[in-house]
N, C-alpha and C. Protein backbone atom coordinates (compact mmCIF):
# COMPACT_ATOMS: atom_id res chain seq x y z
N MET A 1 44.45 32.56 -14.76
CA MET A 1 42.94 32.78 -16.07
C MET A 1 42.74 31.27 -16.43
N ARG A 2 43.40 30.22 -15.71
CA ARG A 2 43.52 29.08 -16.15
C ARG A 2 42.88 28.37 -14.45
N LYS A 3 42.88 29.12 -14.19
CA LYS A 3 42.52 28.78 -12.64
C LYS A 3 40.62 29.77 -12.78
N ALA A 4 40.77 30.69 -13.09
CA ALA A 4 39.10 30.95 -13.27
C ALA A 4 38.16 29.85 -14.53
N LEU A 5 38.83 30.77 -15.43
CA LEU A 5 38.57 28.86 -16.19
C LEU A 5 38.30 27.00 -15.67
N VAL A 6 39.00 26.69 -15.31
CA VAL A 6 38.49 25.81 -13.84
C VAL A 6 36.90 25.59 -13.39
N THR A 7 37.71 27.15 -12.52
CA THR A 7 36.13 27.23 -12.26
C THR A 7 34.86 27.49 -12.56
N VAL A 8 35.15 27.98 -12.97
CA VAL A 8 34.14 28.46 -14.18
C VAL A 8 33.07 27.48 -14.51
N ILE A 9 34.37 26.12 -15.55
CA ILE A 9 33.64 24.45 -15.36
C ILE A 9 33.45 23.58 -14.37
N ALA A 10 33.80 23.92 -13.74
CA ALA A 10 33.12 23.00 -12.24
C ALA A 10 31.76 23.66 -12.07
N LEU A 11 31.89 25.43 -11.87
CA LEU A 11 30.52 25.93 -12.20
C LEU A 11 29.20 25.29 -12.75
N VAL A 12 29.43 25.34 -14.11
CA VAL A 12 28.90 24.50 -14.83
C VAL A 12 27.87 22.88 -15.03
N SER A 13 29.21 22.41 -14.05
CA SER A 13 29.01 20.43 -15.10
C SER A 13 28.02 20.49 -12.93
N VAL A 14 28.46 21.52 -12.26
CA VAL A 14 27.73 21.53 -11.00
C VAL A 14 25.46 21.69 -11.16
N ALA A 15 25.96 23.21 -11.79
CA ALA A 15 24.60 24.17 -12.63
C ALA A 15 23.45 22.83 -13.48
N VAL A 16 23.54 22.75 -14.32
CA VAL A 16 23.73 21.97 -15.77
C VAL A 16 22.58 20.36 -13.86
N PRO A 17 22.79 18.90 -14.08
CA PRO A 17 22.25 18.15 -13.49
C PRO A 17 21.43 19.38 -12.64
N ALA A 18 20.85 20.21 -11.92
CA ALA A 18 20.51 21.13 -11.41
C ALA A 18 19.47 21.36 -11.85
N ALA A 19 19.54 21.94 -12.75
CA ALA A 19 18.66 22.87 -14.11
C ALA A 19 17.80 21.35 -13.79
N SER A 20 18.50 20.93 -14.71
CA SER A 20 17.63 19.44 -14.74
C SER A 20 16.17 18.77 -13.49
N THR A 21 17.33 18.66 -12.38
CA THR A 21 16.25 18.11 -12.01
C THR A 21 15.28 18.60 -11.39
N VAL A 22 15.15 19.92 -11.54
CA VAL A 22 14.25 21.19 -10.77
C VAL A 22 13.11 20.93 -12.15
N HIS A 23 13.74 20.44 -13.21
CA HIS A 23 12.82 20.53 -14.12
C HIS A 23 11.49 19.14 -14.24
N ALA A 24 12.54 18.54 -14.15
CA ALA A 24 11.68 17.36 -14.62
C ALA A 24 10.44 17.14 -13.33
N ALA A 25 11.28 17.34 -12.12
CA ALA A 25 10.45 17.17 -11.23
C ALA A 25 9.35 18.15 -11.67
N ALA A 26 9.08 19.29 -11.89
CA ALA A 26 7.63 20.43 -11.75
C ALA A 26 7.09 19.90 -13.18
N VAL A 27 6.97 18.57 -13.60
CA VAL A 27 5.99 17.59 -14.67
C VAL A 27 5.20 17.54 -14.15
N LYS A 28 3.81 17.67 -14.90
CA LYS A 28 2.84 17.24 -13.99
C LYS A 28 2.23 15.98 -14.90
N PRO A 29 1.94 14.55 -14.42
CA PRO A 29 1.31 13.47 -15.66
C PRO A 29 -0.18 13.90 -15.57
N VAL A 30 -1.12 12.78 -15.98
CA VAL A 30 -2.30 13.53 -17.32
C VAL A 30 -2.18 11.84 -16.05
N VAL A 31 -3.06 11.68 -14.97
CA VAL A 31 -3.33 11.21 -14.84
C VAL A 31 -5.21 11.19 -15.40
N ILE A 32 -5.37 9.88 -15.06
CA ILE A 32 -6.25 8.63 -15.81
C ILE A 32 -6.74 7.27 -14.36
N SER A 33 -7.60 8.29 -14.05
CA SER A 33 -9.09 7.70 -12.65
C SER A 33 -9.13 6.20 -12.83
N ILE A 34 -9.31 4.77 -12.63
CA ILE A 34 -10.33 3.71 -12.99
C ILE A 34 -11.08 3.01 -12.12
N THR A 35 -11.82 3.40 -11.88
CA THR A 35 -12.40 2.48 -11.31
C THR A 35 -13.26 0.69 -11.89
N ALA A 36 -12.66 -0.21 -11.70
CA ALA A 36 -14.11 -1.23 -12.26
C ALA A 36 -14.38 -1.87 -11.20
N VAL A 37 -15.77 -3.15 -10.71
CA VAL A 37 -16.39 -3.34 -10.19
C VAL A 37 -16.65 -4.96 -11.37
N ASN A 38 -16.33 -5.92 -10.26
CA ASN A 38 -17.11 -7.25 -10.76
C ASN A 38 -15.83 -7.71 -12.46
N GLY A 39 -14.68 -7.23 -12.85
CA GLY A 39 -14.43 -6.68 -14.03
C GLY A 39 -14.61 -5.44 -15.24
N ARG A 40 -15.46 -5.02 -14.62
CA ARG A 40 -15.88 -3.86 -15.81
C ARG A 40 -15.83 -2.50 -15.04
N PRO A 41 -16.01 -1.32 -16.27
CA PRO A 41 -15.39 -0.29 -15.82
C PRO A 41 -16.15 0.64 -15.76
N VAL A 42 -16.88 0.89 -14.08
CA VAL A 42 -17.59 2.79 -13.92
C VAL A 42 -17.49 3.40 -14.97
N GLY A 43 -18.63 3.67 -15.32
CA GLY A 43 -19.25 4.51 -16.19
C GLY A 43 -18.64 4.23 -17.72
N GLY A 44 -17.99 3.26 -18.25
CA GLY A 44 -18.02 2.91 -19.30
C GLY A 44 -16.04 2.86 -19.26
N ILE A 45 -15.54 2.44 -21.09
CA ILE A 45 -13.97 2.47 -21.16
C ILE A 45 -14.57 3.54 -21.49
N LYS A 46 -12.88 4.14 -20.56
CA LYS A 46 -12.40 5.31 -21.17
C LYS A 46 -11.33 5.22 -22.01
N ARG A 47 -11.60 6.82 -23.03
CA ARG A 47 -11.08 7.15 -23.97
C ARG A 47 -10.23 7.90 -23.80
N PRO A 48 -9.08 8.46 -23.26
CA PRO A 48 -8.17 9.90 -22.60
C PRO A 48 -7.47 10.04 -24.25
N SER A 49 -6.92 11.51 -24.51
CA SER A 49 -5.44 11.03 -25.39
C SER A 49 -4.80 12.23 -24.79
N VAL A 50 -3.44 12.13 -25.31
CA VAL A 50 -1.92 12.58 -24.41
C VAL A 50 -1.80 12.57 -26.01
N LYS A 51 -0.53 13.94 -25.93
CA LYS A 51 0.20 14.21 -26.33
C LYS A 51 1.27 13.89 -26.32
N LYS A 52 2.39 12.80 -27.12
CA LYS A 52 2.95 12.32 -27.17
C LYS A 52 4.16 12.70 -27.03
N GLY A 53 5.09 12.49 -25.67
CA GLY A 53 5.68 13.44 -24.94
C GLY A 53 5.14 13.24 -23.73
N GLN A 54 4.33 12.75 -22.99
CA GLN A 54 3.70 13.53 -22.18
C GLN A 54 3.69 12.51 -21.33
N LEU A 55 4.04 12.78 -20.07
CA LEU A 55 4.07 11.54 -18.59
C LEU A 55 2.32 11.10 -18.63
N VAL A 56 2.21 10.40 -17.95
CA VAL A 56 0.83 9.63 -17.76
C VAL A 56 0.96 8.58 -16.89
N ARG A 57 -0.64 8.44 -16.19
CA ARG A 57 -0.33 7.71 -15.34
C ARG A 57 -2.49 7.31 -14.68
N PHE A 58 -1.77 5.71 -15.07
CA PHE A 58 -3.05 5.30 -15.09
C PHE A 58 -2.93 4.57 -13.36
N VAL A 59 -4.24 5.60 -12.35
CA VAL A 59 -4.77 4.91 -11.23
C VAL A 59 -5.76 3.59 -11.36
N ILE A 60 -5.33 2.51 -11.46
CA ILE A 60 -7.29 1.32 -11.65
C ILE A 60 -6.64 1.10 -10.01
N ARG A 61 -8.54 0.68 -9.73
CA ARG A 61 -8.57 0.72 -8.13
C ARG A 61 -9.26 -0.72 -9.11
N THR A 62 -8.99 -1.79 -8.46
CA THR A 62 -10.11 -2.72 -8.91
C THR A 62 -10.64 -4.07 -7.86
N ASN A 63 -11.70 -4.50 -7.83
CA ASN A 63 -11.96 -6.10 -6.25
C ASN A 63 -11.68 -7.35 -7.31
N VAL A 64 -11.02 -7.00 -8.44
CA VAL A 64 -11.47 -8.38 -8.81
C VAL A 64 -10.23 -8.51 -10.49
N GLY A 65 -9.20 -9.97 -10.37
CA GLY A 65 -8.43 -9.49 -11.87
C GLY A 65 -6.93 -9.99 -11.57
N THR A 66 -6.65 -10.40 -11.93
CA THR A 66 -4.59 -11.10 -12.06
C THR A 66 -4.49 -10.05 -12.20
N GLU A 67 -4.32 -8.96 -13.52
CA GLU A 67 -3.14 -8.70 -14.06
C GLU A 67 -3.82 -7.24 -14.85
N LEU A 68 -2.82 -5.96 -14.85
CA LEU A 68 -3.35 -4.76 -15.95
C LEU A 68 -2.14 -4.98 -16.56
N HIS A 69 -2.59 -5.55 -18.03
CA HIS A 69 -1.45 -5.48 -18.74
C HIS A 69 -1.70 -3.94 -19.68
N LEU A 70 -1.05 -3.16 -20.16
CA LEU A 70 -1.16 -2.01 -21.60
C LEU A 70 -0.50 -1.92 -22.48
N HIS A 71 -1.43 -2.20 -23.43
CA HIS A 71 -0.99 -3.52 -24.34
C HIS A 71 0.13 -2.34 -25.33
N GLY A 72 1.35 -2.18 -26.56
CA GLY A 72 2.30 -1.52 -25.97
C GLY A 72 3.00 -1.55 -25.96
N TYR A 73 3.06 -1.01 -24.91
CA TYR A 73 4.20 -0.31 -23.68
C TYR A 73 5.24 -1.93 -23.34
N ASP A 74 2.88 -2.59 -23.00
CA ASP A 74 3.71 -4.02 -22.93
C ASP A 74 4.25 -3.62 -20.98
N ILE A 75 3.32 -2.42 -20.36
CA ILE A 75 3.73 -2.74 -18.91
C ILE A 75 2.43 -3.78 -18.23
N GLU A 76 2.99 -4.47 -17.01
CA GLU A 76 1.81 -4.91 -16.54
C GLU A 76 2.20 -5.02 -15.36
N LYS A 77 1.24 -5.03 -14.47
CA LYS A 77 0.94 -4.92 -12.59
C LYS A 77 -0.35 -6.05 -12.18
N VAL A 78 -0.02 -6.43 -10.92
CA VAL A 78 -0.42 -7.30 -10.46
C VAL A 78 -1.25 -6.08 -10.51
N PRO A 79 -2.83 -6.24 -9.88
CA PRO A 79 -3.33 -5.59 -9.15
C PRO A 79 -4.35 -6.21 -7.68
N ARG A 80 -4.10 -5.25 -6.44
CA ARG A 80 -4.83 -5.83 -5.11
C ARG A 80 -5.55 -5.69 -4.36
N LYS A 81 -6.43 -6.15 -4.51
CA LYS A 81 -8.00 -5.97 -3.77
C LYS A 81 -8.00 -4.89 -3.35
N GLY A 82 -8.59 -4.05 -3.16
CA GLY A 82 -8.76 -2.37 -2.24
C GLY A 82 -7.42 -1.10 -1.94
N VAL A 83 -6.23 -2.08 -2.52
CA VAL A 83 -5.32 -0.46 -2.80
C VAL A 83 -5.01 -0.54 -4.07
N PRO A 84 -4.75 1.19 -5.07
CA PRO A 84 -5.05 0.97 -5.89
C PRO A 84 -3.26 1.23 -6.85
N THR A 85 -3.07 0.91 -8.37
CA THR A 85 -2.77 -0.19 -8.84
C THR A 85 -2.37 1.07 -9.72
N VAL A 86 -0.72 1.77 -10.12
CA VAL A 86 -0.35 2.81 -10.32
C VAL A 86 0.36 2.25 -12.07
N MET A 87 -0.02 2.88 -12.70
CA MET A 87 1.39 2.69 -14.22
C MET A 87 1.86 3.94 -14.60
N GLN A 88 2.98 4.96 -14.92
CA GLN A 88 3.29 5.31 -15.10
C GLN A 88 4.60 5.56 -15.68
N PHE A 89 4.38 6.22 -17.33
CA PHE A 89 5.30 6.37 -18.30
C PHE A 89 4.79 7.70 -19.06
N VAL A 90 5.93 7.30 -19.86
CA VAL A 90 5.81 8.30 -21.20
C VAL A 90 5.63 8.26 -21.74
N ALA A 91 4.55 8.95 -22.63
CA ALA A 91 4.25 8.65 -23.91
C ALA A 91 4.64 8.69 -25.79
N LYS A 92 5.59 7.38 -25.64
CA LYS A 92 6.70 7.52 -26.43
C LYS A 92 6.33 7.16 -27.73
N LEU A 93 4.91 6.59 -28.43
CA LEU A 93 5.13 6.00 -29.33
C LEU A 93 3.75 5.74 -29.63
N PRO A 94 3.08 6.98 -31.12
CA PRO A 94 2.41 6.81 -31.30
C PRO A 94 0.50 6.18 -31.46
N GLY A 95 0.17 6.45 -31.06
CA GLY A 95 -0.81 5.31 -32.06
C GLY A 95 -2.42 4.63 -30.46
N ARG A 96 -3.21 3.77 -30.38
CA ARG A 96 -3.62 3.89 -29.57
C ARG A 96 -4.10 2.40 -29.05
N PHE A 97 -3.55 1.98 -28.10
CA PHE A 97 -3.55 1.08 -26.95
C PHE A 97 -4.61 1.11 -25.84
N GLU A 98 -4.51 -0.41 -26.00
CA GLU A 98 -5.12 -1.16 -24.65
C GLU A 98 -5.41 -1.01 -23.51
N LEU A 99 -5.98 -0.92 -22.44
CA LEU A 99 -5.72 -1.03 -21.19
C LEU A 99 -6.21 -1.90 -20.39
N GLU A 100 -6.51 -3.59 -20.19
CA GLU A 100 -6.43 -3.93 -20.60
C GLU A 100 -6.55 -5.16 -18.78
N LEU A 101 -7.76 -5.18 -18.20
CA LEU A 101 -7.43 -6.43 -16.72
C LEU A 101 -7.72 -7.69 -17.28
N HIS A 102 -7.12 -8.05 -16.58
CA HIS A 102 -7.49 -10.26 -17.50
C HIS A 102 -8.03 -10.92 -15.63
N ARG A 103 -8.54 -11.88 -16.14
CA ARG A 103 -9.48 -12.88 -15.05
C ARG A 103 -10.22 -12.18 -13.74
N PRO A 104 -11.71 -10.93 -14.41
CA PRO A 104 -11.66 -11.30 -15.73
C PRO A 104 -11.14 -10.58 -16.66
N ASP A 105 -11.72 -10.78 -17.96
CA ASP A 105 -11.17 -10.81 -19.14
C ASP A 105 -11.82 -8.79 -19.65
N ALA A 106 -11.30 -7.84 -19.67
CA ALA A 106 -12.22 -6.61 -19.39
C ALA A 106 -11.19 -5.27 -19.90
N VAL A 107 -11.68 -4.28 -21.35
CA VAL A 107 -11.02 -3.63 -21.40
C VAL A 107 -11.93 -2.42 -20.81
N LEU A 108 -10.76 -1.59 -20.12
CA LEU A 108 -11.00 -0.72 -19.16
C LEU A 108 -10.23 0.91 -19.23
N ALA A 109 -10.10 1.10 -20.23
CA ALA A 109 -9.69 1.93 -21.41
C ALA A 109 -8.67 1.96 -22.56
N GLN A 110 -8.79 3.15 -23.69
CA GLN A 110 -7.88 2.54 -24.46
C GLN A 110 -7.62 4.73 -24.70
N LEU A 111 -6.42 4.13 -24.50
CA LEU A 111 -5.38 5.29 -25.03
C LEU A 111 -5.08 6.07 -26.09
N THR A 112 -5.18 7.18 -26.77
CA THR A 112 -4.38 7.27 -28.20
C THR A 112 -3.23 8.51 -27.87
N VAL A 113 -2.13 8.48 -28.61
CA VAL A 113 -0.83 9.26 -28.37
C VAL A 113 -1.48 9.50 -29.65
N ARG A 114 -1.19 10.76 -29.30
CA ARG A 114 -1.18 11.57 -30.61
C ARG A 114 0.30 12.02 -30.90
N PRO A 115 0.55 12.70 -32.06
CA PRO A 115 2.22 13.28 -32.10
C PRO A 115 2.17 13.85 -32.02
């Protein structure tokens, strides 16, 4: 009986992490693509809206600028000309948050996270 209990506990401890790994891999992010030319977002400022807890992925292409900054989440990235810059995070904070390009300074997006 004791050997069976140990076997069951061992199987559960192996199966639980595997199940959570499969679930995490299945989560698809909300992808928000932005292209900025000479410091201005093509098509205007993006205003995406997501639910709290969703995985968000900004993909930003810009030919100028020294920094990309998502306020509220304090995520900063240095853009490189010709290479997409990716910011990925879980939307944990409800509210409205600006994604800015610095030097030249420009708002690229206003992300709304709904509760």
